[in-house]
Amino acid sequence: MIKIMFCLRRLPGMSIEAFQAYWYEHHAPLVRQHSDALGIRRYVQSHSFAHPGLQPALDLRKGETAPYDGIAELWYDSVEAVLALNRSAEARRAGRELLEDERKFIDLPNSPLFYTVEREVIALASTCSVGG
């Protein structure tokens, strides 16, 4: 599996609340609607948030750029599966529709995307207990 990571910044003048609401309530259903045509195996939105208790860790890093407002993760079966989308008229139409919608809330020139392969280091532990 491969993953596309979109590091998102909202359009200038848009509040974080409006950005995240639009992204989740309007854009996410569009992604879901086109997921088969686009070969999307999994889609996750990670919404940023602020908490005063967490600020010291951010301050230590002395970041020079504004933080991202969220990260979208899209999983695909393979590089070949993503490349094959270019041969599908349905996938191209779906991709254009999603991009049109993204222009309504994402600052695209300042929202990079890149491809990744996960290398799990610590697995998600089960929190269920057995017995009683």
N, C-alpha and C. Protein backbone atom coordinates (compact mmCIF):
# COMPACT_ATOMS: atom_id res chain seq x y z
N MET A 1 0.84 -1.18 0.00
CA MET A 1 0.00 0.00 0.00
C MET A 1 0.89 1.24 0.00
N ILE A 2 0.38 2.28 -0.65
CA ILE A 2 1.03 3.58 -0.58
C ILE A 2 0.00 4.59 -0.07
N LYS A 3 0.51 5.73 0.36
CA LYS A 3 -0.38 6.73 0.92
C LYS A 3 0.00 8.09 0.34
N ILE A 4 -1.03 8.89 0.04
CA ILE A 4 -0.82 10.28 -0.31
C ILE A 4 -1.13 11.09 0.94
N MET A 5 -0.20 11.97 1.30
CA MET A 5 -0.38 12.85 2.45
C MET A 5 -0.57 14.27 1.92
N PHE A 6 -1.67 14.91 2.31
CA PHE A 6 -1.94 16.30 1.97
C PHE A 6 -1.83 17.12 3.25
N CYS A 7 -0.87 18.02 3.32
CA CYS A 7 -0.71 18.91 4.47
C CYS A 7 -1.46 20.20 4.14
N LEU A 8 -2.57 20.40 4.79
CA LEU A 8 -3.53 21.43 4.36
C LEU A 8 -3.46 22.71 5.18
N ARG A 9 -3.55 23.81 4.43
CA ARG A 9 -3.73 25.13 5.03
C ARG A 9 -5.01 25.72 4.44
N ARG A 10 -5.76 26.40 5.27
CA ARG A 10 -7.03 26.99 4.82
C ARG A 10 -6.78 28.24 3.99
N LEU A 11 -7.78 28.61 3.23
CA LEU A 11 -7.71 29.85 2.47
C LEU A 11 -7.54 31.04 3.40
N PRO A 12 -6.79 32.05 2.99
CA PRO A 12 -6.67 33.25 3.82
C PRO A 12 -8.05 33.85 4.10
N GLY A 13 -8.24 34.27 5.32
CA GLY A 13 -9.51 34.86 5.72
C GLY A 13 -10.56 33.87 6.19
N MET A 14 -10.30 32.57 6.03
CA MET A 14 -11.25 31.55 6.48
C MET A 14 -10.86 31.12 7.89
N SER A 15 -11.83 31.03 8.78
CA SER A 15 -11.53 30.60 10.15
C SER A 15 -11.22 29.11 10.17
N ILE A 16 -10.47 28.69 11.17
CA ILE A 16 -10.16 27.27 11.32
C ILE A 16 -11.43 26.46 11.49
N GLU A 17 -12.40 27.01 12.22
CA GLU A 17 -13.67 26.30 12.43
C GLU A 17 -14.42 26.10 11.12
N ALA A 18 -14.48 27.15 10.31
CA ALA A 18 -15.17 27.06 9.01
C ALA A 18 -14.44 26.08 8.08
N PHE A 19 -13.11 26.15 8.09
CA PHE A 19 -12.31 25.25 7.26
C PHE A 19 -12.58 23.79 7.62
N GLN A 20 -12.44 23.48 8.90
CA GLN A 20 -12.58 22.09 9.32
C GLN A 20 -14.02 21.59 9.17
N ALA A 21 -15.00 22.45 9.38
CA ALA A 21 -16.40 22.04 9.17
C ALA A 21 -16.65 21.74 7.70
N TYR A 22 -16.20 22.60 6.80
CA TYR A 22 -16.40 22.37 5.36
C TYR A 22 -15.68 21.10 4.92
N TRP A 23 -14.45 20.96 5.37
CA TRP A 23 -13.65 19.80 4.99
C TRP A 23 -14.33 18.50 5.40
N TYR A 24 -14.86 18.44 6.63
CA TYR A 24 -15.47 17.21 7.13
C TYR A 24 -16.91 17.02 6.66
N GLU A 25 -17.68 18.08 6.66
CA GLU A 25 -19.11 17.95 6.37
C GLU A 25 -19.44 17.99 4.88
N HIS A 26 -18.61 18.65 4.08
CA HIS A 26 -18.90 18.75 2.64
C HIS A 26 -17.90 17.96 1.80
N HIS A 27 -16.60 18.17 2.03
CA HIS A 27 -15.59 17.53 1.18
C HIS A 27 -15.48 16.02 1.44
N ALA A 28 -15.51 15.62 2.69
CA ALA A 28 -15.39 14.19 3.01
C ALA A 28 -16.47 13.35 2.32
N PRO A 29 -17.74 13.77 2.31
CA PRO A 29 -18.73 12.99 1.57
C PRO A 29 -18.44 12.91 0.06
N LEU A 30 -17.84 13.98 -0.50
CA LEU A 30 -17.47 13.92 -1.92
C LEU A 30 -16.38 12.89 -2.16
N VAL A 31 -15.39 12.85 -1.26
CA VAL A 31 -14.33 11.85 -1.38
C VAL A 31 -14.94 10.46 -1.28
N ARG A 32 -15.84 10.27 -0.31
CA ARG A 32 -16.50 8.97 -0.13
C ARG A 32 -17.26 8.59 -1.40
N GLN A 33 -17.98 9.55 -1.97
CA GLN A 33 -18.77 9.31 -3.19
C GLN A 33 -17.89 8.85 -4.36
N HIS A 34 -16.68 9.39 -4.45
CA HIS A 34 -15.79 9.07 -5.58
C HIS A 34 -14.72 8.04 -5.23
N SER A 35 -14.78 7.46 -4.06
CA SER A 35 -13.70 6.57 -3.62
C SER A 35 -13.51 5.36 -4.52
N ASP A 36 -14.58 4.78 -5.01
CA ASP A 36 -14.43 3.61 -5.90
C ASP A 36 -13.77 4.01 -7.21
N ALA A 37 -14.25 5.09 -7.81
CA ALA A 37 -13.69 5.55 -9.09
C ALA A 37 -12.22 5.91 -8.96
N LEU A 38 -11.83 6.41 -7.78
CA LEU A 38 -10.45 6.84 -7.57
C LEU A 38 -9.58 5.78 -6.89
N GLY A 39 -10.15 4.62 -6.61
CA GLY A 39 -9.37 3.53 -6.03
C GLY A 39 -8.87 3.82 -4.62
N ILE A 40 -9.59 4.66 -3.90
CA ILE A 40 -9.18 5.02 -2.53
C ILE A 40 -9.57 3.89 -1.59
N ARG A 41 -8.59 3.33 -0.90
CA ARG A 41 -8.84 2.22 0.01
C ARG A 41 -9.18 2.70 1.43
N ARG A 42 -8.62 3.85 1.81
CA ARG A 42 -8.87 4.41 3.13
C ARG A 42 -8.65 5.91 3.04
N TYR A 43 -9.43 6.67 3.81
CA TYR A 43 -9.30 8.13 3.84
C TYR A 43 -9.45 8.58 5.27
N VAL A 44 -8.47 9.34 5.76
CA VAL A 44 -8.49 9.82 7.13
C VAL A 44 -8.19 11.32 7.12
N GLN A 45 -8.97 12.07 7.88
CA GLN A 45 -8.70 13.49 8.10
C GLN A 45 -8.16 13.65 9.52
N SER A 46 -7.06 14.37 9.64
CA SER A 46 -6.51 14.72 10.96
C SER A 46 -6.64 16.23 11.11
N HIS A 47 -7.52 16.65 12.01
CA HIS A 47 -7.80 18.07 12.22
C HIS A 47 -6.90 18.62 13.32
N SER A 48 -6.23 19.74 13.05
CA SER A 48 -5.37 20.34 14.07
C SER A 48 -6.23 20.99 15.16
N PHE A 49 -5.63 21.17 16.32
CA PHE A 49 -6.29 21.86 17.41
C PHE A 49 -5.22 22.46 18.30
N ALA A 50 -5.62 23.42 19.09
CA ALA A 50 -4.68 24.07 20.02
C ALA A 50 -5.11 23.76 21.45
N HIS A 51 -4.13 23.60 22.30
CA HIS A 51 -4.37 23.40 23.73
C HIS A 51 -3.19 24.04 24.46
N PRO A 52 -3.46 24.93 25.41
CA PRO A 52 -2.37 25.64 26.08
C PRO A 52 -1.33 24.72 26.73
N GLY A 53 -1.76 23.58 27.22
CA GLY A 53 -0.83 22.65 27.86
C GLY A 53 0.13 22.00 26.88
N LEU A 54 -0.22 22.00 25.61
CA LEU A 54 0.63 21.39 24.60
C LEU A 54 1.57 22.39 23.93
N GLN A 55 1.38 23.67 24.16
CA GLN A 55 2.16 24.72 23.50
C GLN A 55 3.66 24.65 23.77
N PRO A 56 4.12 24.32 24.98
CA PRO A 56 5.58 24.27 25.21
C PRO A 56 6.32 23.35 24.24
N ALA A 57 5.74 22.21 23.91
CA ALA A 57 6.39 21.30 22.96
C ALA A 57 6.53 21.95 21.59
N LEU A 58 5.52 22.73 21.18
CA LEU A 58 5.59 23.43 19.91
C LEU A 58 6.64 24.55 19.96
N ASP A 59 6.68 25.26 21.07
CA ASP A 59 7.64 26.36 21.22
C ASP A 59 9.08 25.88 21.16
N LEU A 60 9.36 24.69 21.69
CA LEU A 60 10.72 24.15 21.67
C LEU A 60 11.24 23.93 20.25
N ARG A 61 10.34 23.66 19.33
CA ARG A 61 10.74 23.39 17.95
C ARG A 61 10.99 24.67 17.15
N LYS A 62 10.54 25.80 17.67
CA LYS A 62 10.76 27.10 17.06
C LYS A 62 10.47 27.10 15.56
N GLY A 63 9.31 26.56 15.21
CA GLY A 63 8.91 26.51 13.81
C GLY A 63 8.81 27.90 13.20
N GLU A 64 9.24 28.03 11.96
CA GLU A 64 9.22 29.32 11.29
C GLU A 64 8.03 29.48 10.36
N THR A 65 7.31 28.43 10.09
CA THR A 65 6.15 28.52 9.21
C THR A 65 4.89 28.25 10.02
N ALA A 66 3.79 28.77 9.51
CA ALA A 66 2.51 28.53 10.18
C ALA A 66 2.20 27.04 10.14
N PRO A 67 1.58 26.52 11.19
CA PRO A 67 1.25 25.09 11.20
C PRO A 67 0.16 24.77 10.18
N TYR A 68 0.04 23.51 9.88
CA TYR A 68 -1.03 23.06 8.99
C TYR A 68 -2.34 23.02 9.76
N ASP A 69 -3.43 23.20 9.04
CA ASP A 69 -4.75 23.16 9.64
C ASP A 69 -5.29 21.74 9.69
N GLY A 70 -4.65 20.85 8.97
CA GLY A 70 -5.05 19.45 8.97
C GLY A 70 -4.21 18.66 7.98
N ILE A 71 -4.34 17.36 8.07
CA ILE A 71 -3.65 16.45 7.16
C ILE A 71 -4.66 15.43 6.66
N ALA A 72 -4.70 15.25 5.35
CA ALA A 72 -5.53 14.21 4.75
C ALA A 72 -4.62 13.07 4.33
N GLU A 73 -5.05 11.86 4.61
CA GLU A 73 -4.30 10.67 4.23
C GLU A 73 -5.20 9.79 3.37
N LEU A 74 -4.71 9.45 2.18
CA LEU A 74 -5.45 8.58 1.28
C LEU A 74 -4.59 7.36 0.94
N TRP A 75 -5.12 6.18 1.21
CA TRP A 75 -4.42 4.93 0.96
C TRP A 75 -4.83 4.35 -0.40
N TYR A 76 -3.84 3.82 -1.11
CA TYR A 76 -4.05 3.15 -2.40
C TYR A 76 -3.31 1.82 -2.38
N ASP A 77 -3.76 0.91 -3.24
CA ASP A 77 -3.14 -0.42 -3.28
C ASP A 77 -1.68 -0.39 -3.67
N SER A 78 -1.32 0.48 -4.65
CA SER A 78 0.05 0.48 -5.18
C SER A 78 0.28 1.72 -6.03
N VAL A 79 1.52 1.93 -6.39
CA VAL A 79 1.86 2.99 -7.34
C VAL A 79 1.14 2.73 -8.66
N GLU A 80 1.14 1.48 -9.08
CA GLU A 80 0.50 1.12 -10.34
C GLU A 80 -0.99 1.45 -10.33
N ALA A 81 -1.64 1.23 -9.19
CA ALA A 81 -3.07 1.55 -9.07
C ALA A 81 -3.31 3.04 -9.23
N VAL A 82 -2.43 3.86 -8.66
CA VAL A 82 -2.57 5.31 -8.80
C VAL A 82 -2.31 5.73 -10.24
N LEU A 83 -1.28 5.18 -10.86
CA LEU A 83 -0.97 5.52 -12.25
C LEU A 83 -2.09 5.11 -13.20
N ALA A 84 -2.76 4.00 -12.90
CA ALA A 84 -3.85 3.52 -13.75
C ALA A 84 -5.03 4.47 -13.76
N LEU A 85 -5.16 5.30 -12.74
CA LEU A 85 -6.29 6.25 -12.67
C LEU A 85 -6.28 7.22 -13.85
N ASN A 86 -5.09 7.50 -14.38
CA ASN A 86 -4.99 8.41 -15.54
C ASN A 86 -5.67 7.85 -16.77
N ARG A 87 -5.87 6.54 -16.83
CA ARG A 87 -6.50 5.91 -17.99
C ARG A 87 -8.01 5.81 -17.86
N SER A 88 -8.56 6.25 -16.73
CA SER A 88 -9.99 6.14 -16.48
C SER A 88 -10.65 7.52 -16.59
N ALA A 89 -11.59 7.65 -17.54
CA ALA A 89 -12.33 8.91 -17.69
C ALA A 89 -13.13 9.21 -16.42
N GLU A 90 -13.68 8.17 -15.79
CA GLU A 90 -14.45 8.36 -14.56
C GLU A 90 -13.56 8.90 -13.44
N ALA A 91 -12.35 8.36 -13.31
CA ALA A 91 -11.42 8.83 -12.29
C ALA A 91 -10.99 10.27 -12.56
N ARG A 92 -10.75 10.60 -13.81
CA ARG A 92 -10.36 11.98 -14.14
C ARG A 92 -11.47 12.96 -13.81
N ARG A 93 -12.72 12.59 -14.10
CA ARG A 93 -13.87 13.45 -13.76
C ARG A 93 -13.98 13.61 -12.25
N ALA A 94 -13.84 12.51 -11.53
CA ALA A 94 -13.94 12.56 -10.06
C ALA A 94 -12.82 13.43 -9.49
N GLY A 95 -11.62 13.27 -10.00
CA GLY A 95 -10.48 14.07 -9.54
C GLY A 95 -10.69 15.55 -9.79
N ARG A 96 -11.24 15.90 -10.95
CA ARG A 96 -11.53 17.31 -11.25
C ARG A 96 -12.57 17.87 -10.30
N GLU A 97 -13.61 17.09 -10.00
CA GLU A 97 -14.65 17.55 -9.08
C GLU A 97 -14.08 17.80 -7.68
N LEU A 98 -13.23 16.90 -7.22
CA LEU A 98 -12.63 17.08 -5.91
C LEU A 98 -11.70 18.30 -5.89
N LEU A 99 -10.92 18.48 -6.94
CA LEU A 99 -10.03 19.64 -7.00
C LEU A 99 -10.82 20.94 -7.03
N GLU A 100 -11.90 20.98 -7.78
CA GLU A 100 -12.77 22.17 -7.79
C GLU A 100 -13.26 22.49 -6.39
N ASP A 101 -13.67 21.47 -5.67
CA ASP A 101 -14.16 21.68 -4.31
C ASP A 101 -13.02 22.13 -3.39
N GLU A 102 -11.84 21.55 -3.56
CA GLU A 102 -10.70 21.93 -2.71
C GLU A 102 -10.36 23.40 -2.86
N ARG A 103 -10.54 23.95 -4.05
CA ARG A 103 -10.25 25.37 -4.28
C ARG A 103 -11.16 26.29 -3.45
N LYS A 104 -12.25 25.76 -2.93
CA LYS A 104 -13.19 26.55 -2.13
C LYS A 104 -12.73 26.73 -0.69
N PHE A 105 -11.79 25.89 -0.22
CA PHE A 105 -11.43 25.98 1.20
C PHE A 105 -9.95 25.74 1.49
N ILE A 106 -9.19 25.24 0.53
CA ILE A 106 -7.77 24.94 0.75
C ILE A 106 -6.89 25.95 0.01
N ASP A 107 -5.86 26.44 0.69
CA ASP A 107 -4.83 27.27 0.07
C ASP A 107 -3.88 26.32 -0.65
N LEU A 108 -4.24 25.92 -1.87
CA LEU A 108 -3.52 24.87 -2.59
C LEU A 108 -2.03 25.15 -2.78
N PRO A 109 -1.61 26.37 -3.16
CA PRO A 109 -0.17 26.59 -3.35
C PRO A 109 0.65 26.42 -2.07
N ASN A 110 0.01 26.52 -0.91
CA ASN A 110 0.71 26.39 0.36
C ASN A 110 0.32 25.13 1.12
N SER A 111 -0.19 24.15 0.39
CA SER A 111 -0.63 22.88 0.98
C SER A 111 0.02 21.73 0.21
N PRO A 112 1.25 21.37 0.60
CA PRO A 112 1.97 20.34 -0.15
C PRO A 112 1.34 18.96 -0.01
N LEU A 113 1.62 18.13 -1.00
CA LEU A 113 1.26 16.71 -0.92
C LEU A 113 2.48 15.91 -1.28
N PHE A 114 2.53 14.70 -0.75
CA PHE A 114 3.62 13.80 -1.08
C PHE A 114 3.16 12.37 -0.86
N TYR A 115 3.90 11.43 -1.43
CA TYR A 115 3.57 10.01 -1.36
C TYR A 115 4.45 9.35 -0.30
N THR A 116 3.86 8.40 0.43
CA THR A 116 4.61 7.72 1.48
C THR A 116 4.31 6.23 1.48
N VAL A 117 5.21 5.51 2.13
CA VAL A 117 5.02 4.11 2.48
C VAL A 117 5.19 4.06 4.00
N GLU A 118 4.23 3.48 4.69
CA GLU A 118 4.31 3.41 6.14
C GLU A 118 5.31 2.35 6.58
N ARG A 119 6.00 2.66 7.68
CA ARG A 119 6.86 1.70 8.36
C ARG A 119 6.48 1.75 9.83
N GLU A 120 5.62 0.86 10.22
CA GLU A 120 5.11 0.87 11.59
C GLU A 120 6.23 0.54 12.57
N VAL A 121 6.35 1.36 13.59
CA VAL A 121 7.37 1.18 14.62
C VAL A 121 6.73 0.68 15.91
N ILE A 122 5.60 1.28 16.29
CA ILE A 122 4.84 0.83 17.46
C ILE A 122 3.43 0.56 16.99
N ALA A 123 2.96 -0.66 17.17
CA ALA A 123 1.63 -1.03 16.73
C ALA A 123 0.59 -0.51 17.70
N LEU A 124 -0.58 -0.24 17.18
CA LEU A 124 -1.71 0.17 18.01
C LEU A 124 -2.06 -0.98 18.92
N ALA A 125 -2.01 -0.74 20.22
CA ALA A 125 -2.31 -1.79 21.19
C ALA A 125 -3.81 -1.85 21.42
N SER A 126 -4.31 -3.01 21.63
CA SER A 126 -5.70 -3.21 21.94
C SER A 126 -5.97 -2.73 23.37
N THR A 127 -7.08 -2.02 23.54
CA THR A 127 -7.43 -1.55 24.89
C THR A 127 -8.52 -2.41 25.50
N CYS A 128 -8.91 -3.47 24.81
CA CYS A 128 -9.96 -4.34 25.33
C CYS A 128 -9.35 -5.32 26.34
N SER A 129 -10.07 -5.54 27.40
CA SER A 129 -9.60 -6.53 28.37
C SER A 129 -10.50 -7.77 28.29
N VAL A 130 -9.90 -8.89 28.50
CA VAL A 130 -10.63 -10.15 28.43
C VAL A 130 -10.79 -10.69 29.86
N GLY A 131 -11.91 -11.27 30.11
CA GLY A 131 -12.14 -11.87 31.43
C GLY A 131 -12.81 -10.90 32.38
N GLY A 132 -12.90 -11.25 33.57
CA GLY A 132 -13.59 -10.38 34.49
C GLY A 132 -13.30 -10.68 35.85
